């Protein structure tokens, strides 16, 4: 893991990631692979590393000499990790640290054809519970400072396999962007996210809400049809949510994915769960459809050009 010696920003050099297989043809779409060969399908558990957490109707287990069967979700270490428990010594050039951490794959469903936008309420509640469980496990590990949970759906959004799955990367540091957020939050008299929730709940950018969460098109959307999910009460991570809060979050996540799917005809997208152990932070989930391209201007300036005003995006998503 290398650090920019002027900007204090990090990049991860992970050569193993370049070896990962992809079922998607170059320039193609999200054609489905054969369930008989998909490593994430039931019956093919031997094609993945041993699962560290297998979720079944009878409880949570881990693979032993035999793989646990009859699961509805399972989590295992990525074969092509961005972070590793025992990384090779870093280069002595410039500024480099050990990229020590964890990189898991969470397979969210045994159904090869399942689509998160069509998950049932029960499926979504289970999914959020798994996210919380894996987050709690990793954030308690020695040397882990931040746990990134994100989903890539579709080849254009970065998924290499079509069977629905989420990735979790546990890092030995807090990303620079989150540090800058905490600095900005600390300079305000109250949590800016709490103020944002109150303001957007009565704005044209509100898409949906329930007792615990709001779904909005953020005022400063980076990409067309970007949406954010924010808890109404100030909580810093999934760890802080009670069972009712988890159910409310599952409902709003389902609404967000279904509305985007119907409006944009099944777009590729990324969603990222932003959370910290720091009580000053405010949990949020950012969903970004991958329907626009970052080009030279964005890369040169860090300023994004969004061709769909968030008010218009919200209006269209409200009507779905």
C-alpha atoms as a PDB file:
ATOM      1  CA  UNK A   1       0.000   0.000   0.000  1.00  0.00           C
ATOM      2  CA  UNK A   2       1.686   3.199  -1.183  1.00  0.00           C
ATOM      3  CA  UNK A   3       1.217   6.709   0.124  1.00  0.00           C
ATOM      4  CA  UNK A   4       1.357   9.893  -1.940  1.00  0.00           C
ATOM      5  CA  UNK A   5       4.138  11.817  -0.212  1.00  0.00           C
ATOM      6  CA  UNK A   6       2.563  15.221  -0.879  1.00  0.00           C
ATOM      7  CA  UNK A   7      -1.171  14.589  -0.446  1.00  0.00           C
ATOM      8  CA  UNK A   8      -1.185  11.885   2.254  1.00  0.00           C
ATOM      9  CA  UNK A   9      -3.452   9.806   0.027  1.00  0.00           C
ATOM     10  CA  UNK A  10      -3.049   6.064  -0.425  1.00  0.00           C
ATOM     11  CA  UNK A  11      -3.202   3.643  -3.318  1.00  0.00           C
ATOM     12  CA  UNK A  12      -3.206  -0.141  -3.069  1.00  0.00           C
ATOM     13  CA  UNK A  13      -0.906  -2.108  -5.372  1.00  0.00           C
ATOM     14  CA  UNK A  14      -2.560  -5.541  -5.656  1.00  0.00           C
ATOM     15  CA  UNK A  15      -1.084  -7.580  -8.490  1.00  0.00           C
ATOM     16  CA  UNK A  16      -3.174 -10.607  -7.522  1.00  0.00           C
ATOM     17  CA  UNK A  17      -6.342  -8.713  -8.461  1.00  0.00           C
ATOM     18  CA  UNK A  18      -5.167  -8.708 -12.079  1.00  0.00           C
ATOM     19  CA  UNK A  19      -5.371 -12.510 -12.173  1.00  0.00           C
ATOM     20  CA  UNK A  20      -9.059 -12.755 -11.303  1.00  0.00           C
ATOM     21  CA  UNK A  21     -11.239 -14.437 -13.952  1.00  0.00           C
ATOM     22  CA  UNK A  22     -14.108 -12.647 -15.654  1.00  0.00           C
ATOM     23  CA  UNK A  23     -17.119 -14.247 -17.300  1.00  0.00           C
ATOM     24  CA  UNK A  24     -17.979 -11.043 -19.154  1.00  0.00           C
ATOM     25  CA  UNK A  25     -16.841 -10.652 -22.729  1.00  0.00           C
ATOM     26  CA  UNK A  26     -14.873  -7.528 -23.595  1.00  0.00           C
ATOM     27  CA  UNK A  27     -17.355  -4.840 -24.500  1.00  0.00           C
ATOM     28  CA  UNK A  28     -20.275  -7.121 -23.679  1.00  0.00           C
ATOM     29  CA  UNK A  29     -23.068  -6.831 -21.149  1.00  0.00           C
ATOM     30  CA  UNK A  30     -24.066  -8.881 -18.134  1.00  0.00           C
ATOM     31  CA  UNK A  31     -24.543 -12.249 -19.840  1.00  0.00           C
ATOM     32  CA  UNK A  32     -25.145 -14.959 -17.259  1.00  0.00           C
ATOM     33  CA  UNK A  33     -22.677 -17.794 -16.852  1.00  0.00           C
ATOM     34  CA  UNK A  34     -23.690 -21.440 -16.455  1.00  0.00           C
ATOM     35  CA  UNK A  35     -24.701 -22.264 -12.853  1.00  0.00           C
ATOM     36  CA  UNK A  36     -22.856 -25.575 -13.254  1.00  0.00           C
ATOM     37  CA  UNK A  37     -19.528 -23.723 -13.435  1.00  0.00           C
ATOM     38  CA  UNK A  38     -20.312 -20.657 -11.305  1.00  0.00           C
ATOM     39  CA  UNK A  39     -18.120 -20.771  -8.155  1.00  0.00           C
ATOM     40  CA  UNK A  40     -20.796 -18.970  -6.133  1.00  0.00           C
ATOM     41  CA  UNK A  41     -23.573 -21.517  -6.771  1.00  0.00           C
ATOM     42  CA  UNK A  42     -24.594 -24.309  -4.351  1.00  0.00           C
ATOM     43  CA  UNK A  43     -22.750 -27.521  -5.167  1.00  0.00           C
ATOM     44  CA  UNK A  44     -19.654 -25.588  -6.279  1.00  0.00           C
ATOM     45  CA  UNK A  45     -18.432 -24.629  -2.799  1.00  0.00           C
ATOM     46  CA  UNK A  46     -15.135 -26.441  -3.452  1.00  0.00           C
ATOM     47  CA  UNK A  47     -14.319 -23.772  -6.050  1.00  0.00           C
ATOM     48  CA  UNK A  48     -13.966 -21.085  -3.353  1.00  0.00           C
ATOM     49  CA  UNK A  49     -11.780 -20.798  -0.249  1.00  0.00           C
ATOM     50  CA  UNK A  50     -13.361 -22.223   2.916  1.00  0.00           C
ATOM     51  CA  UNK A  51     -16.210 -20.008   4.090  1.00  0.00           C
ATOM     52  CA  UNK A  52     -15.526 -18.117   7.303  1.00  0.00           C
ATOM     53  CA  UNK A  53     -19.257 -17.549   7.846  1.00  0.00           C
ATOM     54  CA  UNK A  54     -22.067 -19.655   6.397  1.00  0.00           C
ATOM     55  CA  UNK A  55     -25.613 -18.437   7.085  1.00  0.00           C
ATOM     56  CA  UNK A  56     -28.311 -21.117   7.282  1.00  0.00           C
ATOM     57  CA  UNK A  57     -31.783 -21.416   8.766  1.00  0.00           C
ATOM     58  CA  UNK A  58     -30.201 -23.301  11.678  1.00  0.00           C
ATOM     59  CA  UNK A  59     -27.487 -20.753  12.505  1.00  0.00           C
ATOM     60  CA  UNK A  60     -24.102 -19.406  11.425  1.00  0.00           C
ATOM     61  CA  UNK A  61     -21.277 -21.863  10.769  1.00  0.00           C
ATOM     62  CA  UNK A  62     -17.818 -22.025   9.182  1.00  0.00           C
ATOM     63  CA  UNK A  63     -16.551 -24.575   6.691  1.00  0.00           C
ATOM     64  CA  UNK A  64     -14.513 -27.402   8.137  1.00  0.00           C
ATOM     65  CA  UNK A  65     -13.261 -30.516   6.371  1.00  0.00           C
ATOM     66  CA  UNK A  66     -16.610 -30.515   4.596  1.00  0.00           C
ATOM     67  CA  UNK A  67     -18.358 -27.481   3.168  1.00  0.00           C
ATOM     68  CA  UNK A  68     -21.556 -26.357   4.886  1.00  0.00           C
ATOM     69  CA  UNK A  69     -24.611 -26.929   2.661  1.00  0.00           C
ATOM     70  CA  UNK A  70     -28.151 -25.528   2.544  1.00  0.00           C
ATOM     71  CA  UNK A  71     -27.010 -21.927   3.009  1.00  0.00           C
ATOM     72  CA  UNK A  72     -28.734 -18.691   2.084  1.00  0.00           C
ATOM     73  CA  UNK A  73     -25.538 -16.599   2.293  1.00  0.00           C
ATOM     74  CA  UNK A  74     -21.872 -17.385   2.721  1.00  0.00           C
ATOM     75  CA  UNK A  75     -18.700 -15.322   3.154  1.00  0.00           C
ATOM     76  CA  UNK A  76     -15.144 -16.344   2.285  1.00  0.00           C
ATOM     77  CA  UNK A  77     -11.767 -14.749   1.628  1.00  0.00           C
ATOM     78  CA  UNK A  78     -11.283 -13.381  -1.879  1.00  0.00           C
ATOM     79  CA  UNK A  79      -8.957 -15.524  -4.007  1.00  0.00           C
ATOM     80  CA  UNK A  80      -7.625 -12.352  -5.628  1.00  0.00           C
ATOM     81  CA  UNK A  81      -7.444  -9.947  -2.686  1.00  0.00           C
ATOM     82  CA  UNK A  82      -6.737  -6.252  -2.571  1.00  0.00           C
ATOM     83  CA  UNK A  83      -5.601  -6.735   1.044  1.00  0.00           C
ATOM     84  CA  UNK A  84      -4.046  -9.797   2.670  1.00  0.00           C
ATOM     85  CA  UNK A  85      -3.439 -10.985   6.229  1.00  0.00           C
ATOM     86  CA  UNK A  86       0.218 -11.722   5.502  1.00  0.00           C
ATOM     87  CA  UNK A  87       1.313  -9.496   2.614  1.00  0.00           C
ATOM     88  CA  UNK A  88       4.698  -9.551   0.935  1.00  0.00           C
ATOM     89  CA  UNK A  89       7.189  -6.983   2.278  1.00  0.00           C
ATOM     90  CA  UNK A  90       6.584  -3.582   0.671  1.00  0.00           C
ATOM     91  CA  UNK A  91       9.018  -1.979  -1.715  1.00  0.00           C
ATOM     92  CA  UNK A  92      11.624   0.356  -0.190  1.00  0.00           C
ATOM     93  CA  UNK A  93      10.965   2.947  -2.868  1.00  0.00           C
ATOM     94  CA  UNK A  94       9.033   6.118  -1.991  1.00  0.00           C
ATOM     95  CA  UNK A  95       6.548   5.635   0.834  1.00  0.00           C
ATOM     96  CA  UNK A  96       5.114   2.140   1.259  1.00  0.00           C
ATOM     97  CA  UNK A  97       3.436   0.224   4.066  1.00  0.00           C
ATOM     98  CA  UNK A  98       2.313  -3.365   4.471  1.00  0.00           C
ATOM     99  CA  UNK A  99      -1.115  -3.730   2.826  1.00  0.00           C
ATOM    100  CA  UNK A 100      -2.269  -5.871   5.736  1.00  0.00           C
ATOM    101  CA  UNK A 101      -6.001  -6.449   6.050  1.00  0.00           C
ATOM    102  CA  UNK A 102      -8.834  -8.702   4.923  1.00  0.00           C
ATOM    103  CA  UNK A 103     -10.822  -9.032   1.707  1.00  0.00           C
ATOM    104  CA  UNK A 104     -14.015 -11.088   1.786  1.00  0.00           C
ATOM    105  CA  UNK A 105     -16.667 -11.992  -0.752  1.00  0.00           C
ATOM    106  CA  UNK A 106     -20.226 -12.189   0.567  1.00  0.00           C
ATOM    107  CA  UNK A 107     -22.466 -14.306  -1.671  1.00  0.00           C
ATOM    108  CA  UNK A 108     -25.932 -12.966  -0.896  1.00  0.00           C
ATOM    109  CA  UNK A 109     -28.099 -15.681  -2.407  1.00  0.00           C
ATOM    110  CA  UNK A 110     -27.782 -19.295  -3.600  1.00  0.00           C
ATOM    111  CA  UNK A 111     -29.933 -18.417  -6.642  1.00  0.00           C
ATOM    112  CA  UNK A 112     -27.741 -17.827  -9.678  1.00  0.00           C
ATOM    113  CA  UNK A 113     -30.424 -15.720 -11.366  1.00  0.00           C
ATOM    114  CA  UNK A 114     -31.232 -13.548  -8.345  1.00  0.00           C
ATOM    115  CA  UNK A 115     -31.202  -9.767  -8.741  1.00  0.00           C
ATOM    116  CA  UNK A 116     -30.940  -7.474  -5.689  1.00  0.00           C
ATOM    117  CA  UNK A 117     -33.626  -5.200  -7.133  1.00  0.00           C
ATOM    118  CA  UNK A 118     -36.030  -8.143  -6.903  1.00  0.00           C
ATOM    119  CA  UNK A 119     -35.031  -9.365  -3.454  1.00  0.00           C
ATOM    120  CA  UNK A 120     -37.940  -9.973  -1.094  1.00  0.00           C
ATOM    121  CA  UNK A 121     -38.204  -8.009   2.138  1.00  0.00           C
ATOM    122  CA  UNK A 122     -36.919 -11.078   4.003  1.00  0.00           C
ATOM    123  CA  UNK A 123     -33.924 -11.376   1.641  1.00  0.00           C
ATOM    124  CA  UNK A 124     -33.039  -7.720   2.203  1.00  0.00           C
ATOM    125  CA  UNK A 125     -33.358  -7.988   5.980  1.00  0.00           C
ATOM    126  CA  UNK A 126     -31.068 -11.015   5.918  1.00  0.00           C
ATOM    127  CA  UNK A 127     -28.596  -9.157   3.710  1.00  0.00           C
ATOM    128  CA  UNK A 128     -28.386  -6.156   6.058  1.00  0.00           C
ATOM    129  CA  UNK A 129     -27.979  -8.516   9.034  1.00  0.00           C
ATOM    130  CA  UNK A 130     -25.045 -10.223   7.277  1.00  0.00           C
ATOM    131  CA  UNK A 131     -23.434  -6.842   6.554  1.00  0.00           C
ATOM    132  CA  UNK A 132     -23.722  -5.905  10.220  1.00  0.00           C
ATOM    133  CA  UNK A 133     -22.338  -9.264  11.361  1.00  0.00           C
ATOM    134  CA  UNK A 134     -19.302  -9.157   9.061  1.00  0.00           C
ATOM    135  CA  UNK A 135     -18.670  -5.484   9.884  1.00  0.00           C
ATOM    136  CA  UNK A 136     -18.731  -6.208  13.612  1.00  0.00           C
ATOM    137  CA  UNK A 137     -16.358  -9.129  13.147  1.00  0.00           C
ATOM    138  CA  UNK A 138     -13.726  -7.218  11.193  1.00  0.00           C
ATOM    139  CA  UNK A 139     -13.807  -3.862  12.962  1.00  0.00           C
ATOM    140  CA  UNK A 140     -12.914  -5.701  16.176  1.00  0.00           C
ATOM    141  CA  UNK A 141      -9.756  -7.221  14.650  1.00  0.00           C
ATOM    142  CA  UNK A 142      -6.382  -5.894  15.761  1.00  0.00           C
ATOM    143  CA  UNK A 143      -4.945  -3.402  13.290  1.00  0.00           C
ATOM    144  CA  UNK A 144      -8.231  -2.796  11.429  1.00  0.00           C
ATOM    145  CA  UNK A 145      -9.217   0.876  11.335  1.00  0.00           C
ATOM    146  CA  UNK A 146     -11.851   0.885   8.596  1.00  0.00           C
ATOM    147  CA  UNK A 147     -14.179  -1.658   6.969  1.00  0.00           C
ATOM    148  CA  UNK A 148     -15.336  -0.936   3.418  1.00  0.00           C
ATOM    149  CA  UNK A 149     -18.513  -2.730   2.301  1.00  0.00           C
ATOM    150  CA  UNK A 150     -19.504  -2.204  -1.328  1.00  0.00           C
ATOM    151  CA  UNK A 151     -21.409  -3.850  -4.139  1.00  0.00           C
ATOM    152  CA  UNK A 152     -20.605  -3.812  -7.853  1.00  0.00           C
ATOM    153  CA  UNK A 153     -23.577  -4.855  -9.998  1.00  0.00           C
ATOM    154  CA  UNK A 154     -22.882  -5.389 -13.689  1.00  0.00           C
ATOM    155  CA  UNK A 155     -19.677  -5.574 -15.696  1.00  0.00           C
ATOM    156  CA  UNK A 156     -19.534  -1.825 -16.322  1.00  0.00           C
ATOM    157  CA  UNK A 157     -19.701  -1.243 -12.559  1.00  0.00           C
ATOM    158  CA  UNK A 158     -16.746  -3.556 -11.930  1.00  0.00           C
ATOM    159  CA  UNK A 159     -18.330  -6.960 -11.266  1.00  0.00           C
ATOM    160  CA  UNK A 160     -16.361  -9.858 -12.729  1.00  0.00           C
ATOM    161  CA  UNK A 161     -19.032 -12.499 -11.975  1.00  0.00           C
ATOM    162  CA  UNK A 162     -22.776 -12.098 -12.512  1.00  0.00           C
ATOM    163  CA  UNK A 163     -23.926 -14.112  -9.465  1.00  0.00           C
ATOM    164  CA  UNK A 164     -24.919 -11.434  -6.959  1.00  0.00           C
ATOM    165  CA  UNK A 165     -22.291 -10.733  -4.310  1.00  0.00           C
ATOM    166  CA  UNK A 166     -20.860  -7.988  -2.112  1.00  0.00           C
ATOM    167  CA  UNK A 167     -17.249  -7.308  -1.172  1.00  0.00           C
ATOM    168  CA  UNK A 168     -15.784  -6.349   2.180  1.00  0.00           C
ATOM    169  CA  UNK A 169     -12.272  -4.913   2.550  1.00  0.00           C
ATOM    170  CA  UNK A 170     -10.840  -4.308   6.027  1.00  0.00           C
ATOM    171  CA  UNK A 171      -8.119  -1.644   6.025  1.00  0.00           C
ATOM    172  CA  UNK A 172      -5.357  -0.699   8.500  1.00  0.00           C
ATOM    173  CA  UNK A 173      -6.202   2.996   8.086  1.00  0.00           C
ATOM    174  CA  UNK A 174      -9.099   5.404   7.704  1.00  0.00           C
ATOM    175  CA  UNK A 175      -9.307   6.639   4.073  1.00  0.00           C
ATOM    176  CA  UNK A 176      -8.250  10.249   3.514  1.00  0.00           C
ATOM    177  CA  UNK A 177     -11.722  11.225   2.248  1.00  0.00           C
ATOM    178  CA  UNK A 178     -13.307  10.046   5.503  1.00  0.00           C
ATOM    179  CA  UNK A 179     -10.674  11.869   7.542  1.00  0.00           C
ATOM    180  CA  UNK A 180     -11.489  15.079   5.692  1.00  0.00           C
ATOM    181  CA  UNK A 181     -15.186  14.492   6.378  1.00  0.00           C
ATOM    182  CA  UNK A 182     -14.535  14.097  10.103  1.00  0.00           C
ATOM    183  CA  UNK A 183     -12.489  17.301  10.115  1.00  0.00           C
ATOM    184  CA  UNK A 184     -15.360  19.140   8.410  1.00  0.00           C
ATOM    185  CA  UNK A 185     -17.943  17.623  10.763  1.00  0.00           C
ATOM    186  CA  UNK A 186     -15.861  18.623  13.791  1.00  0.00           C
ATOM    187  CA  UNK A 187     -15.839  22.238  12.643  1.00  0.00           C
ATOM    188  CA  UNK A 188     -19.655  22.452  12.670  1.00  0.00           C
ATOM    189  CA  UNK A 189     -21.876  23.134  15.723  1.00  0.00           C
ATOM    190  CA  UNK A 190     -23.975  20.043  14.933  1.00  0.00           C
ATOM    191  CA  UNK A 191     -23.754  17.022  12.639  1.00  0.00           C
ATOM    192  CA  UNK A 192     -24.073  18.222   9.009  1.00  0.00           C
ATOM    193  CA  UNK A 193     -25.698  14.930   8.042  1.00  0.00           C
ATOM    194  CA  UNK A 194     -28.413  15.393  10.673  1.00  0.00           C
ATOM    195  CA  UNK A 195     -29.057  18.852   9.237  1.00  0.00           C
ATOM    196  CA  UNK A 196     -29.061  17.340   5.732  1.00  0.00           C
ATOM    197  CA  UNK A 197     -31.720  14.782   6.696  1.00  0.00           C
ATOM    198  CA  UNK A 198     -33.970  17.486   8.144  1.00  0.00           C
ATOM    199  CA  UNK A 199     -33.534  19.767   5.130  1.00  0.00           C
ATOM    200  CA  UNK A 200     -33.979  17.114   2.436  1.00  0.00           C
ATOM    201  CA  UNK A 201     -37.005  15.528   4.121  1.00  0.00           C
ATOM    202  CA  UNK A 202     -38.997  18.586   2.978  1.00  0.00           C
ATOM    203  CA  UNK A 203     -37.231  19.204  -0.334  1.00  0.00           C
ATOM    204  CA  UNK A 204     -37.860  18.229  -3.955  1.00  0.00           C
ATOM    205  CA  UNK A 205     -34.984  15.783  -3.649  1.00  0.00           C
ATOM    206  CA  UNK A 206     -36.752  13.425  -1.220  1.00  0.00           C
ATOM    207  CA  UNK A 207     -37.635  10.160  -2.966  1.00  0.00           C
ATOM    208  CA  UNK A 208     -38.877   7.938  -0.123  1.00  0.00           C
ATOM    209  CA  UNK A 209     -38.856   7.702   3.651  1.00  0.00           C
ATOM    210  CA  UNK A 210     -39.991   5.469   6.484  1.00  0.00           C
ATOM    211  CA  UNK A 211     -39.751   5.793  10.261  1.00  0.00           C
ATOM    212  CA  UNK A 212     -35.990   5.319  10.338  1.00  0.00           C
ATOM    213  CA  UNK A 213     -34.469   6.424   7.026  1.00  0.00           C
ATOM    214  CA  UNK A 214     -34.720   8.804   4.083  1.00  0.00           C
ATOM    215  CA  UNK A 215     -33.836   8.142   0.459  1.00  0.00           C
ATOM    216  CA  UNK A 216     -32.721  11.288  -1.378  1.00  0.00           C
ATOM    217  CA  UNK A 217     -31.105  12.465  -4.587  1.00  0.00           C
ATOM    218  CA  UNK A 218     -28.244  14.464  -3.043  1.00  0.00           C
ATOM    219  CA  UNK A 219     -27.964  18.168  -3.863  1.00  0.00           C
ATOM    220  CA  UNK A 220     -24.377  17.651  -5.065  1.00  0.00           C
ATOM    221  CA  UNK A 221     -24.943  14.394  -6.991  1.00  0.00           C
ATOM    222  CA  UNK A 222     -21.771  13.295  -8.777  1.00  0.00           C
ATOM    223  CA  UNK A 223     -23.513  11.063 -11.334  1.00  0.00           C
ATOM    224  CA  UNK A 224     -26.995  10.920 -12.890  1.00  0.00           C
ATOM    225  CA  UNK A 225     -29.614   9.336 -10.587  1.00  0.00           C
ATOM    226  CA  UNK A 226     -27.267   9.042  -7.628  1.00  0.00           C
ATOM    227  CA  UNK A 227     -29.176   8.358  -4.399  1.00  0.00           C
ATOM    228  CA  UNK A 228     -28.249   8.379  -0.710  1.00  0.00           C
ATOM    229  CA  UNK A 229     -29.795   6.505   2.199  1.00  0.00           C
ATOM    230  CA  UNK A 230     -29.497   8.277   5.561  1.00  0.00           C
ATOM    231  CA  UNK A 231     -30.767   7.333   9.037  1.00  0.00           C
ATOM    232  CA  UNK A 232     -32.996   9.948  10.652  1.00  0.00           C
ATOM    233  CA  UNK A 233     -31.349   9.369  14.024  1.00  0.00           C
ATOM    234  CA  UNK A 234     -27.625   9.944  14.395  1.00  0.00           C
ATOM    235  CA  UNK A 235     -25.816   6.591  14.246  1.00  0.00           C
ATOM    236  CA  UNK A 236     -22.249   6.104  13.071  1.00  0.00           C
ATOM    237  CA  UNK A 237     -22.338   2.506  11.803  1.00  0.00           C
ATOM    238  CA  UNK A 238     -24.462  -0.586  11.212  1.00  0.00           C
ATOM    239  CA  UNK A 239     -23.228  -1.773  14.583  1.00  0.00           C
ATOM    240  CA  UNK A 240     -25.413   0.905  16.225  1.00  0.00           C
ATOM    241  CA  UNK A 241     -28.683  -0.145  14.548  1.00  0.00           C
ATOM    242  CA  UNK A 242     -31.239  -2.118  16.544  1.00  0.00           C
ATOM    243  CA  UNK A 243     -33.443  -4.787  14.873  1.00  0.00           C
ATOM    244  CA  UNK A 244     -36.109  -2.223  13.957  1.00  0.00           C
ATOM    245  CA  UNK A 245     -33.457   0.030  12.412  1.00  0.00           C
ATOM    246  CA  UNK A 246     -32.108  -2.878  10.362  1.00  0.00           C
ATOM    247  CA  UNK A 247     -35.616  -3.623   9.070  1.00  0.00           C
ATOM    248  CA  UNK A 248     -36.171   0.021   8.129  1.00  0.00           C
ATOM    249  CA  UNK A 249     -32.839   0.114   6.304  1.00  0.00           C
ATOM    250  CA  UNK A 250     -33.677  -3.067   4.391  1.00  0.00           C
ATOM    251  CA  UNK A 251     -36.977  -1.543   3.247  1.00  0.00           C
ATOM    252  CA  UNK A 252     -35.386   1.673   1.986  1.00  0.00           C
ATOM    253  CA  UNK A 253     -32.533  -0.153   0.235  1.00  0.00           C
ATOM    254  CA  UNK A 254     -35.117  -2.300  -1.558  1.00  0.00           C
ATOM    255  CA  UNK A 255     -37.054   0.799  -2.626  1.00  0.00           C
ATOM    256  CA  UNK A 256     -33.890   2.428  -3.974  1.00  0.00           C
ATOM    257  CA  UNK A 257     -32.800  -0.585  -6.022  1.00  0.00           C
ATOM    258  CA  UNK A 258     -36.287  -1.348  -7.385  1.00  0.00           C
ATOM    259  CA  UNK A 259     -36.916   2.229  -8.470  1.00  0.00           C
ATOM    260  CA  UNK A 260     -33.546   2.528 -10.217  1.00  0.00           C
ATOM    261  CA  UNK A 261     -34.077  -0.838 -11.891  1.00  0.00           C
ATOM    262  CA  UNK A 262     -37.501   0.104 -13.255  1.00  0.00           C
ATOM    263  CA  UNK A 263     -36.605   3.641 -14.284  1.00  0.00           C
ATOM    264  CA  UNK A 264     -33.273   2.825 -15.934  1.00  0.00           C
ATOM    265  CA  UNK A 265     -34.067  -0.727 -17.154  1.00  0.00           C
ATOM    266  CA  UNK A 266     -31.633  -2.652 -14.988  1.00  0.00           C
ATOM    267  CA  UNK A 267     -28.597  -0.362 -14.849  1.00  0.00           C
ATOM    268  CA  UNK A 268     -25.157  -1.347 -13.589  1.00  0.00           C
ATOM    269  CA  UNK A 269     -24.423   0.386 -10.308  1.00  0.00           C
ATOM    270  CA  UNK A 270     -22.216   0.569  -7.240  1.00  0.00           C
ATOM    271  CA  UNK A 271     -23.375   1.046  -3.696  1.00  0.00           C
ATOM    272  CA  UNK A 272     -21.038   1.901  -0.849  1.00  0.00           C
ATOM    273  CA  UNK A 273     -21.718   1.795   2.883  1.00  0.00           C
ATOM    274  CA  UNK A 274     -19.972   4.724   4.560  1.00  0.00           C
ATOM    275  CA  UNK A 275     -19.503   4.192   8.297  1.00  0.00           C
ATOM    276  CA  UNK A 276     -16.984   4.739  11.070  1.00  0.00           C
ATOM    277  CA  UNK A 277     -16.498   3.800  14.699  1.00  0.00           C
ATOM    278  CA  UNK A 278     -16.145   7.528  15.386  1.00  0.00           C
ATOM    279  CA  UNK A 279     -19.381   8.703  17.052  1.00  0.00           C
ATOM    280  CA  UNK A 280     -19.142  12.029  15.182  1.00  0.00           C
ATOM    281  CA  UNK A 281     -19.799  10.309  11.867  1.00  0.00           C
ATOM    282  CA  UNK A 282     -23.252   9.676  10.382  1.00  0.00           C
ATOM    283  CA  UNK A 283     -23.895   6.357   8.616  1.00  0.00           C
ATOM    284  CA  UNK A 284     -24.849   6.684   4.945  1.00  0.00           C
ATOM    285  CA  UNK A 285     -25.203   4.487   1.871  1.00  0.00           C
ATOM    286  CA  UNK A 286     -24.445   5.952  -1.557  1.00  0.00           C
ATOM    287  CA  UNK A 287     -25.838   4.320  -4.696  1.00  0.00           C
ATOM    288  CA  UNK A 288     -24.341   5.409  -8.014  1.00  0.00           C
ATOM    289  CA  UNK A 289     -25.617   4.040 -11.336  1.00  0.00           C
ATOM    290  CA  UNK A 290     -22.696   3.420 -13.691  1.00  0.00           C
ATOM    291  CA  UNK A 291     -24.336   5.071 -16.697  1.00  0.00           C
ATOM    292  CA  UNK A 292     -21.896   7.929 -17.267  1.00  0.00           C
ATOM    293  CA  UNK A 293     -18.156   7.956 -17.895  1.00  0.00           C
ATOM    294  CA  UNK A 294     -15.475   9.702 -15.874  1.00  0.00           C
ATOM    295  CA  UNK A 295     -13.379  11.490 -18.479  1.00  0.00           C
ATOM    296  CA  UNK A 296     -10.423  13.851 -18.602  1.00  0.00           C
ATOM    297  CA  UNK A 297     -12.073  16.813 -16.891  1.00  0.00           C
ATOM    298  CA  UNK A 298     -13.224  14.770 -13.891  1.00  0.00           C
ATOM    299  CA  UNK A 299      -9.852  13.034 -13.556  1.00  0.00           C
ATOM    300  CA  UNK A 300      -7.957  16.305 -13.955  1.00  0.00           C
ATOM    301  CA  UNK A 301     -10.008  18.342 -11.481  1.00  0.00           C
ATOM    302  CA  UNK A 302     -11.881  15.935  -9.214  1.00  0.00           C
ATOM    303  CA  UNK A 303     -15.015  17.871 -10.219  1.00  0.00           C
ATOM    304  CA  UNK A 304     -17.873  15.786 -11.632  1.00  0.00           C
ATOM    305  CA  UNK A 305     -20.212  16.807 -14.455  1.00  0.00           C
ATOM    306  CA  UNK A 306     -23.737  15.488 -13.872  1.00  0.00           C
ATOM    307  CA  UNK A 307     -26.196  15.856 -16.774  1.00  0.00           C
ATOM    308  CA  UNK A 308     -29.339  15.077 -14.722  1.00  0.00           C
ATOM    309  CA  UNK A 309     -30.274  17.587 -11.984  1.00  0.00           C
ATOM    310  CA  UNK A 310     -30.987  15.750  -8.708  1.00  0.00           C
ATOM    311  CA  UNK A 311     -34.425  17.392  -8.478  1.00  0.00           C
ATOM    312  CA  UNK A 312     -35.350  15.883 -11.854  1.00  0.00           C
ATOM    313  CA  UNK A 313     -33.902  12.498 -10.876  1.00  0.00           C
ATOM    314  CA  UNK A 314     -35.866  12.539  -7.614  1.00  0.00           C
ATOM    315  CA  UNK A 315     -39.084  13.456  -9.410  1.00  0.00           C
ATOM    316  CA  UNK A 316     -38.736  10.541 -11.805  1.00  0.00           C
ATOM    317  CA  UNK A 317     -37.852   8.092  -9.025  1.00  0.00           C
ATOM    318  CA  UNK A 318     -40.777   9.291  -6.879  1.00  0.00           C
ATOM    319  CA  UNK A 319     -43.193   8.344  -9.653  1.00  0.00           C
ATOM    320  CA  UNK A 320     -41.988   4.746  -9.912  1.00  0.00           C
END
